[in-house]
Amino acid sequence: MIADAQTLSRLRWSARRGLLENDLIIERFFNRYINSLTMEDVFAMDQLLDLSDNDLLDLLLKRKELEGALANPDVIKILQMMREQ
């Protein structure tokens, strides 16, 4: 099920980061995928956004890979989509 406008608005607001690099990657991700995100995608992205700015940047730049509970198919999918940006 595609996420509703209110959920996407909340996600976009919570995605604002302290590091400009993260903001640029996330903004490009939203510009490309915002209209096709499912509720599963939103939940997966929320999990990524719970990370510190530096940990998130390391994942986005492939300095690190997902581990533990984060290494699930939905989060892996979103991370790969974000890395394409």
PDB file of N, CA and C in Angstrom:
ATOM      1  N   MET A   1       0.840  -1.179   0.000  1.00  0.00           N
ATOM      2  CA  MET A   1       0.000   0.000   0.000  1.00  0.00           C
ATOM      3  C   MET A   1       0.892   1.252   0.000  1.00  0.00           C
ATOM      4  N   ILE A   2       0.596   2.161  -0.903  1.00  0.00           N
ATOM      5  CA  ILE A   2       1.349   3.416  -0.999  1.00  0.00           C
ATOM      6  C   ILE A   2       1.059   4.263   0.242  1.00  0.00           C
ATOM      7  N   ALA A   3       2.090   4.892   0.773  1.00  0.00           N
ATOM      8  CA  ALA A   3       1.953   5.733   1.959  1.00  0.00           C
ATOM      9  C   ALA A   3       1.137   6.980   1.632  1.00  0.00           C
ATOM     10  N   ASP A   4       0.350   7.419   2.608  1.00  0.00           N
ATOM     11  CA  ASP A   4      -0.488   8.602   2.408  1.00  0.00           C
ATOM     12  C   ASP A   4       0.342   9.882   2.549  1.00  0.00           C
ATOM     13  N   ALA A   5      -0.241  10.977   2.113  1.00  0.00           N
ATOM     14  CA  ALA A   5       0.465  12.268   2.089  1.00  0.00           C
ATOM     15  C   ALA A   5       0.914  12.709   3.477  1.00  0.00           C
ATOM     16  N   GLN A   6       0.086  12.482   4.491  1.00  0.00           N
ATOM     17  CA  GLN A   6       0.444  12.889   5.855  1.00  0.00           C
ATOM     18  C   GLN A   6       1.656  12.102   6.357  1.00  0.00           C
ATOM     19  N   THR A   7       1.689  10.817   6.094  1.00  0.00           N
ATOM     20  CA  THR A   7       2.819   9.978   6.497  1.00  0.00           C
ATOM     21  C   THR A   7       4.086  10.416   5.781  1.00  0.00           C
ATOM     22  N   LEU A   8       3.977  10.690   4.498  1.00  0.00           N
ATOM     23  CA  LEU A   8       5.142  11.131   3.728  1.00  0.00           C
ATOM     24  C   LEU A   8       5.641  12.488   4.194  1.00  0.00           C
ATOM     25  N   SER A   9       4.733  13.369   4.547  1.00  0.00           N
ATOM     26  CA  SER A   9       5.117  14.676   5.071  1.00  0.00           C
ATOM     27  C   SER A   9       5.881  14.522   6.380  1.00  0.00           C
ATOM     28  N   ARG A  10       5.400  13.650   7.269  1.00  0.00           N
ATOM     29  CA  ARG A  10       6.072  13.394   8.537  1.00  0.00           C
ATOM     30  C   ARG A  10       7.452  12.799   8.294  1.00  0.00           C
ATOM     31  N   LEU A  11       7.537  11.856   7.343  1.00  0.00           N
ATOM     32  CA  LEU A  11       8.821  11.224   7.032  1.00  0.00           C
ATOM     33  C   LEU A  11       9.810  12.255   6.507  1.00  0.00           C
ATOM     34  N   ARG A  12       9.356  13.089   5.618  1.00  0.00           N
ATOM     35  CA  ARG A  12      10.239  14.117   5.049  1.00  0.00           C
ATOM     36  C   ARG A  12      10.737  15.068   6.141  1.00  0.00           C
ATOM     37  N   TRP A  13       9.856  15.437   7.063  1.00  0.00           N
ATOM     38  CA  TRP A  13      10.243  16.320   8.165  1.00  0.00           C
ATOM     39  C   TRP A  13      11.270  15.634   9.059  1.00  0.00           C
ATOM     40  N   SER A  14      11.046  14.365   9.387  1.00  0.00           N
ATOM     41  CA  SER A  14      11.961  13.656  10.286  1.00  0.00           C
ATOM     42  C   SER A  14      13.286  13.327   9.614  1.00  0.00           C
ATOM     43  N   ALA A  15      13.351  13.427   8.300  1.00  0.00           N
ATOM     44  CA  ALA A  15      14.570  13.108   7.557  1.00  0.00           C
ATOM     45  C   ALA A  15      15.579  14.245   7.554  1.00  0.00           C
ATOM     46  N   ARG A  16      15.202  15.396   8.045  1.00  0.00           N
ATOM     47  CA  ARG A  16      16.145  16.526   8.085  1.00  0.00           C
ATOM     48  C   ARG A  16      17.290  16.170   9.016  1.00  0.00           C
ATOM     49  N   ARG A  17      18.508  16.326   8.539  1.00  0.00           N
ATOM     50  CA  ARG A  17      19.678  15.882   9.272  1.00  0.00           C
ATOM     51  C   ARG A  17      20.606  17.045   9.576  1.00  0.00           C
ATOM     52  N   GLY A  18      21.605  16.760  10.408  1.00  0.00           N
ATOM     53  CA  GLY A  18      22.600  17.753  10.761  1.00  0.00           C
ATOM     54  C   GLY A  18      23.739  17.842   9.765  1.00  0.00           C
ATOM     55  N   LEU A  19      23.942  16.790   8.998  1.00  0.00           N
ATOM     56  CA  LEU A  19      25.015  16.780   8.001  1.00  0.00           C
ATOM     57  C   LEU A  19      24.452  17.098   6.622  1.00  0.00           C
ATOM     58  N   LEU A  20      25.023  18.067   5.972  1.00  0.00           N
ATOM     59  CA  LEU A  20      24.576  18.469   4.643  1.00  0.00           C
ATOM     60  C   LEU A  20      24.638  17.302   3.656  1.00  0.00           C
ATOM     61  N   GLU A  21      25.672  16.476   3.761  1.00  0.00           N
ATOM     62  CA  GLU A  21      25.811  15.341   2.845  1.00  0.00           C
ATOM     63  C   GLU A  21      24.594  14.424   2.924  1.00  0.00           C
ATOM     64  N   ASN A  22      24.154  14.121   4.143  1.00  0.00           N
ATOM     65  CA  ASN A  22      22.965  13.289   4.321  1.00  0.00           C
ATOM     66  C   ASN A  22      21.737  13.973   3.724  1.00  0.00           C
ATOM     67  N   ASP A  23      21.588  15.252   4.012  1.00  0.00           N
ATOM     68  CA  ASP A  23      20.433  15.989   3.492  1.00  0.00           C
ATOM     69  C   ASP A  23      20.374  15.943   1.970  1.00  0.00           C
ATOM     70  N   LEU A  24      21.502  16.090   1.323  1.00  0.00           N
ATOM     71  CA  LEU A  24      21.532  16.081  -0.145  1.00  0.00           C
ATOM     72  C   LEU A  24      21.125  14.719  -0.700  1.00  0.00           C
ATOM     73  N   ILE A  25      21.646  13.656  -0.116  1.00  0.00           N
ATOM     74  CA  ILE A  25      21.310  12.307  -0.580  1.00  0.00           C
ATOM     75  C   ILE A  25      19.844  12.011  -0.324  1.00  0.00           C
ATOM     76  N   ILE A  26      19.368  12.352   0.856  1.00  0.00           N
ATOM     77  CA  ILE A  26      17.973  12.081   1.211  1.00  0.00           C
ATOM     78  C   ILE A  26      17.029  12.899   0.341  1.00  0.00           C
ATOM     79  N   GLU A  27      17.363  14.138   0.070  1.00  0.00           N
ATOM     80  CA  GLU A  27      16.506  14.982  -0.772  1.00  0.00           C
ATOM     81  C   GLU A  27      16.407  14.419  -2.189  1.00  0.00           C
ATOM     82  N   ARG A  28      17.525  13.973  -2.736  1.00  0.00           N
ATOM     83  CA  ARG A  28      17.487  13.353  -4.072  1.00  0.00           C
ATOM     84  C   ARG A  28      16.652  12.081  -4.051  1.00  0.00           C
ATOM     85  N   PHE A  29      16.760  11.300  -2.979  1.00  0.00           N
ATOM     86  CA  PHE A  29      15.949  10.095  -2.818  1.00  0.00           C
ATOM     87  C   PHE A  29      14.464  10.453  -2.843  1.00  0.00           C
ATOM     88  N   PHE A  30      14.078  11.452  -2.047  1.00  0.00           N
ATOM     89  CA  PHE A  30      12.668  11.862  -2.010  1.00  0.00           C
ATOM     90  C   PHE A  30      12.203  12.369  -3.372  1.00  0.00           C
ATOM     91  N   ASN A  31      13.024  13.160  -4.024  1.00  0.00           N
ATOM     92  CA  ASN A  31      12.633  13.683  -5.335  1.00  0.00           C
ATOM     93  C   ASN A  31      12.347  12.566  -6.330  1.00  0.00           C
ATOM     94  N   ARG A  32      13.045  11.472  -6.189  1.00  0.00           N
ATOM     95  CA  ARG A  32      12.879  10.367  -7.131  1.00  0.00           C
ATOM     96  C   ARG A  32      11.775   9.387  -6.724  1.00  0.00           C
ATOM     97  N   TYR A  33      11.636   9.118  -5.419  1.00  0.00           N
ATOM     98  CA  TYR A  33      10.791   8.009  -4.980  1.00  0.00           C
ATOM     99  C   TYR A  33       9.583   8.392  -4.115  1.00  0.00           C
ATOM    100  N   ILE A  34       9.415   9.630  -3.745  1.00  0.00           N
ATOM    101  CA  ILE A  34       8.395  10.002  -2.749  1.00  0.00           C
ATOM    102  C   ILE A  34       7.000   9.491  -3.119  1.00  0.00           C
ATOM    103  N   ASN A  35       6.646   9.502  -4.371  1.00  0.00           N
ATOM    104  CA  ASN A  35       5.288   9.108  -4.769  1.00  0.00           C
ATOM    105  C   ASN A  35       5.075   7.611  -4.862  1.00  0.00           C
ATOM    106  N   SER A  36       6.127   6.830  -4.683  1.00  0.00           N
ATOM    107  CA  SER A  36       5.983   5.379  -4.788  1.00  0.00           C
ATOM    108  C   SER A  36       6.324   4.635  -3.506  1.00  0.00           C
ATOM    109  N   LEU A  37       6.602   5.362  -2.423  1.00  0.00           N
ATOM    110  CA  LEU A  37       6.967   4.701  -1.173  1.00  0.00           C
ATOM    111  C   LEU A  37       5.759   4.026  -0.526  1.00  0.00           C
ATOM    112  N   THR A  38       5.972   2.798  -0.092  1.00  0.00           N
ATOM    113  CA  THR A  38       4.932   2.054   0.617  1.00  0.00           C
ATOM    114  C   THR A  38       5.087   2.271   2.121  1.00  0.00           C
ATOM    115  N   MET A  39       4.141   1.793   2.869  1.00  0.00           N
ATOM    116  CA  MET A  39       4.244   1.893   4.325  1.00  0.00           C
ATOM    117  C   MET A  39       5.439   1.086   4.833  1.00  0.00           C
ATOM    118  N   GLU A  40       5.753  -0.036   4.190  1.00  0.00           N
ATOM    119  CA  GLU A  40       6.933  -0.815   4.561  1.00  0.00           C
ATOM    120  C   GLU A  40       8.205  -0.007   4.314  1.00  0.00           C
ATOM    121  N   ASP A  41       8.227   0.732   3.205  1.00  0.00           N
ATOM    122  CA  ASP A  41       9.371   1.596   2.908  1.00  0.00           C
ATOM    123  C   ASP A  41       9.522   2.686   3.963  1.00  0.00           C
ATOM    124  N   VAL A  42       8.407   3.267   4.365  1.00  0.00           N
ATOM    125  CA  VAL A  42       8.428   4.323   5.384  1.00  0.00           C
ATOM    126  C   VAL A  42       8.980   3.770   6.694  1.00  0.00           C
ATOM    127  N   PHE A  43       8.511   2.595   7.094  1.00  0.00           N
ATOM    128  CA  PHE A  43       8.994   1.983   8.329  1.00  0.00           C
ATOM    129  C   PHE A  43      10.491   1.701   8.239  1.00  0.00           C
ATOM    130  N   ALA A  44      10.941   1.191   7.095  1.00  0.00           N
ATOM    131  CA  ALA A  44      12.361   0.905   6.908  1.00  0.00           C
ATOM    132  C   ALA A  44      13.187   2.190   6.956  1.00  0.00           C
ATOM    133  N   MET A  45      12.687   3.237   6.324  1.00  0.00           N
ATOM    134  CA  MET A  45      13.420   4.502   6.334  1.00  0.00           C
ATOM    135  C   MET A  45      13.465   5.086   7.742  1.00  0.00           C
ATOM    136  N   ASP A  46      12.379   4.949   8.490  1.00  0.00           N
ATOM    137  CA  ASP A  46      12.383   5.396   9.890  1.00  0.00           C
ATOM    138  C   ASP A  46      13.508   4.723  10.671  1.00  0.00           C
ATOM    139  N   GLN A  47      13.724   3.453  10.404  1.00  0.00           N
ATOM    140  CA  GLN A  47      14.796   2.727  11.097  1.00  0.00           C
ATOM    141  C   GLN A  47      16.163   3.305  10.744  1.00  0.00           C
ATOM    142  N   LEU A  48      16.365   3.632   9.481  1.00  0.00           N
ATOM    143  CA  LEU A  48      17.628   4.249   9.077  1.00  0.00           C
ATOM    144  C   LEU A  48      17.785   5.636   9.697  1.00  0.00           C
ATOM    145  N   LEU A  49      16.693   6.377   9.758  1.00  0.00           N
ATOM    146  CA  LEU A  49      16.764   7.743  10.286  1.00  0.00           C
ATOM    147  C   LEU A  49      16.977   7.779  11.791  1.00  0.00           C
ATOM    148  N   ASP A  50      16.776   6.646  12.461  1.00  0.00           N
ATOM    149  CA  ASP A  50      17.066   6.562  13.894  1.00  0.00           C
ATOM    150  C   ASP A  50      18.559   6.519  14.174  1.00  0.00           C
ATOM    151  N   LEU A  51      19.350   6.261  13.145  1.00  0.00           N
ATOM    152  CA  LEU A  51      20.801   6.219  13.301  1.00  0.00           C
ATOM    153  C   LEU A  51      21.371   7.622  13.472  1.00  0.00           C
ATOM    154  N   SER A  52      22.562   7.685  14.027  1.00  0.00           N
ATOM    155  CA  SER A  52      23.247   8.981  14.108  1.00  0.00           C
ATOM    156  C   SER A  52      23.597   9.441  12.696  1.00  0.00           C
ATOM    157  N   ASP A  53      23.823  10.736  12.550  1.00  0.00           N
ATOM    158  CA  ASP A  53      24.186  11.279  11.239  1.00  0.00           C
ATOM    159  C   ASP A  53      25.423  10.591  10.665  1.00  0.00           C
ATOM    160  N   ASN A  54      26.435  10.390  11.489  1.00  0.00           N
ATOM    161  CA  ASN A  54      27.676   9.793  10.998  1.00  0.00           C
ATOM    162  C   ASN A  54      27.488   8.332  10.600  1.00  0.00           C
ATOM    163  N   ASP A  55      26.714   7.572  11.379  1.00  0.00           N
ATOM    164  CA  ASP A  55      26.455   6.175  11.026  1.00  0.00           C
ATOM    165  C   ASP A  55      25.659   6.082   9.728  1.00  0.00           C
ATOM    166  N   LEU A  56      24.673   6.961   9.579  1.00  0.00           N
ATOM    167  CA  LEU A  56      23.887   6.965   8.357  1.00  0.00           C
ATOM    168  C   LEU A  56      24.765   7.306   7.153  1.00  0.00           C
ATOM    169  N   LEU A  57      25.599   8.304   7.285  1.00  0.00           N
ATOM    170  CA  LEU A  57      26.489   8.684   6.185  1.00  0.00           C
ATOM    171  C   LEU A  57      27.432   7.537   5.821  1.00  0.00           C
ATOM    172  N   ASP A  58      27.961   6.854   6.821  1.00  0.00           N
ATOM    173  CA  ASP A  58      28.836   5.707   6.542  1.00  0.00           C
ATOM    174  C   ASP A  58      28.104   4.641   5.743  1.00  0.00           C
ATOM    175  N   LEU A  59      26.841   4.399   6.063  1.00  0.00           N
ATOM    176  CA  LEU A  59      26.058   3.428   5.296  1.00  0.00           C
ATOM    177  C   LEU A  59      25.797   3.924   3.879  1.00  0.00           C
ATOM    178  N   LEU A  60      25.427   5.185   3.748  1.00  0.00           N
ATOM    179  CA  LEU A  60      25.127   5.742   2.431  1.00  0.00           C
ATOM    180  C   LEU A  60      26.342   5.734   1.514  1.00  0.00           C
ATOM    181  N   LEU A  61      27.519   5.955   2.087  1.00  0.00           N
ATOM    182  CA  LEU A  61      28.754   5.996   1.296  1.00  0.00           C
ATOM    183  C   LEU A  61      29.444   4.639   1.218  1.00  0.00           C
ATOM    184  N   LYS A  62      28.777   3.609   1.691  1.00  0.00           N
ATOM    185  CA  LYS A  62      29.277   2.223   1.654  1.00  0.00           C
ATOM    186  C   LYS A  62      30.553   2.034   2.458  1.00  0.00           C
ATOM    187  N   ARG A  63      30.746   2.849   3.485  1.00  0.00           N
ATOM    188  CA  ARG A  63      31.872   2.646   4.396  1.00  0.00           C
ATOM    189  C   ARG A  63      31.548   1.538   5.389  1.00  0.00           C
ATOM    190  N   LYS A  64      30.250   1.314   5.590  1.00  0.00           N
ATOM    191  CA  LYS A  64      29.751   0.274   6.489  1.00  0.00           C
ATOM    192  C   LYS A  64      28.596  -0.422   5.794  1.00  0.00           C
ATOM    193  N   GLU A  65      28.252  -1.589   6.313  1.00  0.00           N
ATOM    194  CA  GLU A  65      27.069  -2.309   5.842  1.00  0.00           C
ATOM    195  C   GLU A  65      26.132  -2.513   7.030  1.00  0.00           C
ATOM    196  N   LEU A  66      24.887  -2.787   6.723  1.00  0.00           N
ATOM    197  CA  LEU A  66      23.887  -3.009   7.755  1.00  0.00           C
ATOM    198  C   LEU A  66      24.219  -4.252   8.569  1.00  0.00           C
ATOM    199  N   GLU A  67      23.921  -4.183   9.862  1.00  0.00           N
ATOM    200  CA  GLU A  67      24.163  -5.303  10.765  1.00  0.00           C
ATOM    201  C   GLU A  67      22.967  -5.497  11.673  1.00  0.00           C
ATOM    202  N   GLY A  68      22.869  -6.667  12.235  1.00  0.00           N
ATOM    203  CA  GLY A  68      21.862  -6.958  13.241  1.00  0.00           C
ATOM    204  C   GLY A  68      20.450  -6.808  12.717  1.00  0.00           C
ATOM    205  N   ALA A  69      19.587  -6.234  13.555  1.00  0.00           N
ATOM    206  CA  ALA A  69      18.167  -6.084  13.224  1.00  0.00           C
ATOM    207  C   ALA A  69      17.944  -5.184  12.012  1.00  0.00           C
ATOM    208  N   LEU A  70      18.879  -4.288  11.742  1.00  0.00           N
ATOM    209  CA  LEU A  70      18.733  -3.403  10.580  1.00  0.00           C
ATOM    210  C   LEU A  70      18.950  -4.135   9.261  1.00  0.00           C
ATOM    211  N   ALA A  71      19.628  -5.246   9.302  1.00  0.00           N
ATOM    212  CA  ALA A  71      19.940  -5.983   8.076  1.00  0.00           C
ATOM    213  C   ALA A  71      18.755  -6.855   7.661  1.00  0.00           C
ATOM    214  N   ASN A  72      17.614  -6.216   7.469  1.00  0.00           N
ATOM    215  CA  ASN A  72      16.427  -6.936   7.004  1.00  0.00           C
ATOM    216  C   ASN A  72      16.104  -6.474   5.584  1.00  0.00           C
ATOM    217  N   PRO A  73      15.346  -7.265   4.832  1.00  0.00           N
ATOM    218  CA  PRO A  73      15.124  -6.957   3.409  1.00  0.00           C
ATOM    219  C   PRO A  73      14.557  -5.570   3.130  1.00  0.00           C
ATOM    220  N   ASP A  74      13.637  -5.075   3.952  1.00  0.00           N
ATOM    221  CA  ASP A  74      13.041  -3.762   3.698  1.00  0.00           C
ATOM    222  C   ASP A  74      14.053  -2.638   3.868  1.00  0.00           C
ATOM    223  N   VAL A  75      14.871  -2.707   4.913  1.00  0.00           N
ATOM    224  CA  VAL A  75      15.879  -1.666   5.147  1.00  0.00           C
ATOM    225  C   VAL A  75      16.970  -1.749   4.080  1.00  0.00           C
ATOM    226  N   ILE A  76      17.365  -2.956   3.719  1.00  0.00           N
ATOM    227  CA  ILE A  76      18.367  -3.133   2.659  1.00  0.00           C
ATOM    228  C   ILE A  76      17.866  -2.504   1.360  1.00  0.00           C
ATOM    229  N   LYS A  77      16.606  -2.729   1.028  1.00  0.00           N
ATOM    230  CA  LYS A  77      16.019  -2.156  -0.196  1.00  0.00           C
ATOM    231  C   LYS A  77      16.104  -0.628  -0.188  1.00  0.00           C
ATOM    232  N   ILE A  78      15.676  -0.004   0.922  1.00  0.00           N
ATOM    233  CA  ILE A  78      15.692   1.465   1.004  1.00  0.00           C
ATOM    234  C   ILE A  78      17.123   1.987   0.940  1.00  0.00           C
ATOM    235  N   LEU A  79      18.038   1.338   1.650  1.00  0.00           N
ATOM    236  CA  LEU A  79      19.429   1.774   1.617  1.00  0.00           C
ATOM    237  C   LEU A  79      19.982   1.702   0.201  1.00  0.00           C
ATOM    238  N   GLN A  80      19.681   0.638  -0.518  1.00  0.00           N
ATOM    239  CA  GLN A  80      20.145   0.535  -1.904  1.00  0.00           C
ATOM    240  C   GLN A  80      19.549   1.649  -2.769  1.00  0.00           C
ATOM    241  N   MET A  81      18.292   1.955  -2.573  1.00  0.00           N
ATOM    242  CA  MET A  81      17.659   3.046  -3.330  1.00  0.00           C
ATOM    243  C   MET A  81      18.334   4.368  -3.001  1.00  0.00           C
ATOM    244  N   MET A  82      18.652   4.604  -1.734  1.00  0.00           N
ATOM    245  CA  MET A  82      19.296   5.849  -1.345  1.00  0.00           C
ATOM    246  C   MET A  82      20.712   5.930  -1.901  1.00  0.00           C
ATOM    247  N   ARG A  83      21.398   4.806  -1.945  1.00  0.00           N
ATOM    248  CA  ARG A  83      22.766   4.791  -2.474  1.00  0.00           C
ATOM    249  C   ARG A  83      22.801   5.086  -3.966  1.00  0.00           C
ATOM    250  N   GLU A  84      21.741   4.812  -4.684  1.00  0.00           N
ATOM    251  CA  GLU A  84      21.690   5.091  -6.120  1.00  0.00           C
ATOM    252  C   GLU A  84      21.741   6.577  -6.410  1.00  0.00           C
ATOM    253  N   GLN A  85      21.417   7.380  -5.432  1.00  0.00           N
ATOM    254  CA  GLN A  85      21.342   8.816  -5.638  1.00  0.00           C
ATOM    255  C   GLN A  85      22.732   9.354  -5.695  1.00  0.00           C
TER     256      GLN A  85
END
